[in-house]
N, C-alpha and C. Protein backbone atom coordinates (compact mmCIF):
# COMPACT_ATOMS: atom_id res chain seq x y z
N MET A 1 -31.32 -15.31 -4.85
CA MET A 1 -30.60 -14.68 -4.74
C MET A 1 -29.45 -14.21 -5.63
N ALA A 2 -29.11 -13.25 -5.88
CA ALA A 2 -27.84 -13.17 -7.05
C ALA A 2 -26.24 -13.37 -6.14
N LYS A 3 -25.80 -13.56 -6.74
CA LYS A 3 -24.52 -13.51 -5.78
C LYS A 3 -23.83 -12.33 -6.27
N THR A 4 -22.75 -11.65 -5.79
CA THR A 4 -22.34 -10.52 -6.08
C THR A 4 -21.02 -10.64 -6.85
N PRO A 5 -20.53 -9.63 -7.50
CA PRO A 5 -19.52 -10.02 -8.60
C PRO A 5 -18.18 -10.20 -8.04
N ALA A 6 -17.36 -11.44 -8.84
CA ALA A 6 -16.08 -11.65 -8.02
C ALA A 6 -15.34 -10.49 -7.58
N TRP A 7 -15.54 -9.47 -8.23
CA TRP A 7 -14.42 -8.66 -7.85
C TRP A 7 -14.52 -8.02 -6.94
N GLN A 8 -16.06 -7.96 -6.00
CA GLN A 8 -16.56 -7.70 -4.67
C GLN A 8 -16.10 -9.11 -3.98
N ARG A 9 -15.68 -9.64 -4.09
CA ARG A 9 -15.80 -10.97 -3.17
C ARG A 9 -13.91 -11.43 -3.07
N ALA A 10 -13.64 -12.13 -1.62
CA ALA A 10 -12.31 -12.58 -1.85
C ALA A 10 -11.78 -13.52 -3.14
N GLU A 11 -12.39 -14.02 -3.82
CA GLU A 11 -11.63 -14.87 -4.67
C GLU A 11 -11.41 -13.98 -5.95
N GLY A 12 -11.97 -12.61 -6.12
CA GLY A 12 -11.94 -11.76 -7.07
C GLY A 12 -10.72 -11.00 -6.36
N LYS A 13 -9.95 -11.04 -5.67
CA LYS A 13 -9.25 -10.07 -5.04
C LYS A 13 -7.62 -10.38 -5.17
N ASN A 14 -6.35 -9.99 -5.06
CA ASN A 14 -5.38 -10.66 -5.43
C ASN A 14 -4.63 -10.25 -4.23
N PRO A 15 -4.00 -11.76 -3.18
CA PRO A 15 -3.61 -11.60 -1.91
C PRO A 15 -2.51 -10.58 -1.95
N LYS A 16 -2.02 -10.05 -2.83
CA LYS A 16 -1.03 -9.42 -2.54
C LYS A 16 -1.38 -7.60 -3.23
N GLY A 17 -2.63 -8.14 -2.89
CA GLY A 17 -3.66 -6.13 -3.49
C GLY A 17 -4.12 -6.24 -4.57
N GLY A 18 -4.90 -5.52 -4.87
CA GLY A 18 -5.95 -4.98 -5.93
C GLY A 18 -6.40 -6.48 -6.30
N LEU A 19 -6.85 -6.65 -7.95
CA LEU A 19 -7.93 -7.84 -8.27
C LEU A 19 -6.99 -9.05 -9.34
N ASN A 20 -7.27 -9.59 -9.31
CA ASN A 20 -6.54 -10.72 -10.08
C ASN A 20 -7.45 -10.87 -11.11
N ALA A 21 -7.29 -11.62 -11.92
CA ALA A 21 -7.45 -11.87 -13.78
C ALA A 21 -9.25 -11.99 -13.46
N LYS A 22 -9.23 -12.87 -12.33
CA LYS A 22 -11.37 -13.71 -12.75
C LYS A 22 -11.72 -11.98 -11.91
N GLY A 23 -11.19 -11.26 -11.26
CA GLY A 23 -11.29 -9.95 -10.45
C GLY A 23 -11.74 -8.58 -11.50
N ARG A 24 -10.74 -8.82 -12.53
CA ARG A 24 -10.87 -7.47 -13.49
C ARG A 24 -11.66 -8.26 -14.83
N ALA A 25 -12.21 -9.38 -15.16
CA ALA A 25 -13.32 -10.20 -15.69
C ALA A 25 -14.26 -9.67 -15.81
N SER A 26 -14.60 -10.20 -13.85
CA SER A 26 -15.91 -9.73 -13.34
C SER A 26 -16.33 -8.42 -13.88
N ALA A 27 -15.41 -7.23 -13.39
CA ALA A 27 -15.63 -5.80 -13.35
C ALA A 27 -15.97 -5.42 -14.78
N LYS A 28 -15.18 -6.07 -15.77
CA LYS A 28 -15.55 -5.45 -17.29
C LYS A 28 -16.67 -6.15 -17.46
N LYS A 29 -17.66 -7.48 -16.69
CA LYS A 29 -18.73 -7.67 -17.34
C LYS A 29 -19.86 -6.39 -16.86
N GLN A 30 -19.45 -5.84 -15.89
CA GLN A 30 -20.67 -4.40 -15.37
C GLN A 30 -19.93 -2.86 -15.96
N GLY A 31 -19.39 -3.46 -17.32
CA GLY A 31 -18.78 -2.08 -18.02
C GLY A 31 -17.57 -1.39 -17.57
N MET A 32 -16.62 -1.93 -15.93
CA MET A 32 -15.72 -1.16 -16.29
C MET A 32 -14.40 -1.77 -16.74
N ASN A 33 -13.33 -1.02 -17.08
CA ASN A 33 -11.99 -1.24 -18.03
C ASN A 33 -10.79 -1.07 -16.65
N LEU A 34 -10.98 -2.10 -16.28
CA LEU A 34 -9.43 -2.13 -15.22
C LEU A 34 -8.42 -3.31 -15.79
N LYS A 35 -6.82 -2.57 -15.68
CA LYS A 35 -6.20 -3.35 -16.36
C LYS A 35 -5.39 -3.50 -15.37
N PRO A 36 -4.15 -4.48 -15.45
CA PRO A 36 -3.61 -5.42 -14.48
C PRO A 36 -2.84 -4.23 -14.07
N PRO A 37 -2.15 -4.09 -12.82
CA PRO A 37 -0.93 -2.87 -12.23
C PRO A 37 0.30 -2.93 -13.12
N ALA A 38 1.09 -1.98 -13.14
CA ALA A 38 1.95 -1.71 -13.88
C ALA A 38 3.30 -0.83 -13.06
N PRO A 39 3.79 -1.83 -12.14
CA PRO A 39 4.81 -1.53 -11.87
C PRO A 39 6.14 -1.55 -11.99
N ASN A 40 6.21 -2.03 -13.13
CA ASN A 40 7.30 -1.50 -13.57
C ASN A 40 6.98 -1.31 -15.28
N PRO A 41 6.70 -0.39 -15.34
CA PRO A 41 6.21 0.00 -16.88
C PRO A 41 6.82 0.26 -17.85
N LYS A 42 6.74 -0.48 -19.47
CA LYS A 42 7.56 -0.31 -20.17
C LYS A 42 6.95 0.53 -21.46
N THR A 43 6.14 1.36 -21.13
CA THR A 43 5.45 2.54 -22.36
C THR A 43 5.27 3.65 -21.55
N LYS A 44 5.50 4.97 -22.05
CA LYS A 44 5.20 6.29 -21.25
C LYS A 44 3.79 6.29 -20.85
N LYS A 45 3.04 5.43 -21.84
CA LYS A 45 1.42 5.79 -21.18
C LYS A 45 1.38 5.12 -20.02
N ASP A 46 1.92 3.76 -19.73
CA ASP A 46 1.90 3.00 -18.55
C ASP A 46 2.76 3.67 -17.32
N ALA A 47 3.62 4.14 -17.47
CA ALA A 47 4.52 5.17 -16.65
C ALA A 47 3.30 6.13 -16.08
N ALA A 48 3.05 7.11 -16.74
CA ALA A 48 2.07 8.22 -16.26
C ALA A 48 0.95 7.28 -15.65
N ARG A 49 0.23 6.15 -16.19
CA ARG A 49 -0.71 5.29 -15.28
C ARG A 49 -0.12 5.61 -14.00
N ARG A 50 0.47 4.86 -13.76
CA ARG A 50 1.28 4.42 -12.67
C ARG A 50 1.51 5.58 -11.59
N LYS A 51 1.99 6.74 -11.73
CA LYS A 51 2.34 8.28 -11.55
C LYS A 51 1.23 8.22 -11.10
N SER A 52 -0.14 8.64 -11.54
CA SER A 52 -1.11 9.08 -11.63
C SER A 52 -2.07 8.06 -10.19
N PHE A 53 -1.93 6.79 -10.46
CA PHE A 53 -2.47 5.55 -9.57
C PHE A 53 -1.39 5.97 -8.08
N CYS A 54 -0.75 6.17 -8.14
CA CYS A 54 0.51 6.53 -6.90
C CYS A 54 -0.11 7.98 -6.70
N ALA A 55 -0.46 8.67 -6.99
CA ALA A 55 -0.82 9.70 -6.40
C ALA A 55 -2.23 10.03 -5.72
N ARG A 56 -2.77 9.15 -6.61
CA ARG A 56 -4.24 9.11 -6.05
C ARG A 56 -4.61 8.24 -4.77
N MET A 57 -3.55 7.04 -4.91
CA MET A 57 -3.79 5.95 -3.50
C MET A 57 -3.43 6.67 -2.44
N LYS A 58 -2.06 7.54 -2.49
CA LYS A 58 -1.28 7.58 -1.36
C LYS A 58 -2.56 8.94 -0.58
N GLY A 59 -3.00 9.76 -1.81
CA GLY A 59 -3.91 10.62 -1.24
C GLY A 59 -5.05 10.00 -0.18
N MET A 60 -5.55 9.35 -0.90
CA MET A 60 -6.99 8.38 -0.23
C MET A 60 -6.19 7.57 1.08
N LYS A 61 -5.26 7.22 1.00
CA LYS A 61 -4.59 6.62 2.15
C LYS A 61 -4.71 7.49 3.47
N ALA A 62 -4.09 8.57 2.94
CA ALA A 62 -3.99 9.85 4.09
C ALA A 62 -5.44 10.08 4.38
N LYS A 63 -6.11 10.08 3.56
CA LYS A 63 -7.88 11.25 4.13
C LYS A 63 -8.71 9.98 4.52
N ASN A 64 -9.05 8.90 3.77
CA ASN A 64 -9.63 7.86 4.20
C ASN A 64 -9.37 6.84 5.04
N THR A 65 -8.20 6.47 5.39
CA THR A 65 -7.56 5.42 6.50
C THR A 65 -7.66 5.99 7.60
N GLY A 66 -7.70 5.01 8.77
CA GLY A 66 -7.34 5.61 10.18
C GLY A 66 -5.91 5.54 10.87
N SER A 67 -5.48 5.37 11.68
CA SER A 67 -4.43 5.49 11.58
C SER A 67 -3.75 3.78 11.61
N LYS A 68 -4.55 3.06 12.33
CA LYS A 68 -4.31 1.36 12.46
C LYS A 68 -4.56 0.99 10.90
N ALA A 69 -5.19 1.36 9.86
CA ALA A 69 -5.20 0.61 8.90
C ALA A 69 -4.14 1.33 7.80
N ALA A 70 -3.38 2.38 7.99
CA ALA A 70 -2.51 3.48 7.76
C ALA A 70 -0.88 2.64 7.98
N LYS A 71 -0.90 2.03 8.92
CA LYS A 71 0.59 1.59 9.15
C LYS A 71 -0.21 -0.18 8.92
N ASP A 72 -0.84 -0.83 9.05
CA ASP A 72 -0.88 -2.00 8.83
C ASP A 72 -0.61 -2.55 7.46
N PRO A 73 0.76 -3.47 7.23
CA PRO A 73 0.88 -3.57 6.38
C PRO A 73 0.08 -4.42 5.22
N ASN A 74 -0.90 -5.26 6.20
CA ASN A 74 -1.82 -6.00 5.47
C ASN A 74 -3.27 -5.25 4.93
N SER A 75 -2.70 -4.23 5.34
CA SER A 75 -4.70 -3.12 4.59
C SER A 75 -4.44 -3.22 2.97
N ARG A 76 -5.47 -3.51 2.46
CA ARG A 76 -5.57 -3.40 1.17
C ARG A 76 -4.82 -2.39 0.02
N ILE A 77 -4.88 -1.27 0.98
CA ILE A 77 -4.31 -0.02 0.77
C ILE A 77 -3.14 -0.10 0.63
N ASN A 78 -2.39 -0.78 1.61
CA ASN A 78 -0.71 -0.65 1.15
C ASN A 78 -0.84 -1.92 0.88
N LYS A 79 -1.43 -2.95 0.47
CA LYS A 79 -0.99 -3.96 -0.16
C LYS A 79 -1.18 -3.45 -1.65
N SER A 80 -2.02 -2.88 -2.45
CA SER A 80 -2.01 -2.29 -3.64
C SER A 80 -0.85 -1.57 -4.12
N LEU A 81 -0.66 -0.42 -2.97
CA LEU A 81 0.65 0.49 -3.09
C LEU A 81 1.99 -0.32 -3.38
N ARG A 82 2.01 -1.52 -2.81
CA ARG A 82 3.25 -2.20 -2.98
C ARG A 82 3.41 -2.74 -4.25
N ALA A 83 2.40 -3.06 -4.71
CA ALA A 83 1.89 -4.16 -6.05
C ALA A 83 2.21 -2.96 -7.19
N TRP A 84 2.14 -1.83 -7.24
CA TRP A 84 2.43 -0.75 -8.16
C TRP A 84 4.10 -0.14 -7.91
N ASN A 85 4.50 -0.59 -6.50
CA ASN A 85 5.68 0.28 -6.67
C ASN A 85 5.83 1.22 -6.30
N CYS A 86 4.85 1.79 -5.39
CA CYS A 86 4.57 3.25 -5.20
C CYS A 86 5.69 3.56 -3.99
């Protein structure tokens, strides 16, 4: 029986939100192109990526989470928003 990729397991997830390097590497093996968070962008391209991520995730938080998860500071979505300085 095959193991699931690291990006789907706890070992590929960053405790502060998002994926760690191991999780991004396992996702890349499956054809995904994930970059690390850009909380303090140095280029205009990274700034645009951060702005897009924050807008998309805030919309997902409003639509796809219940009131309990939206208020929980330890939920994955809130950790990701904090990691990106949204």
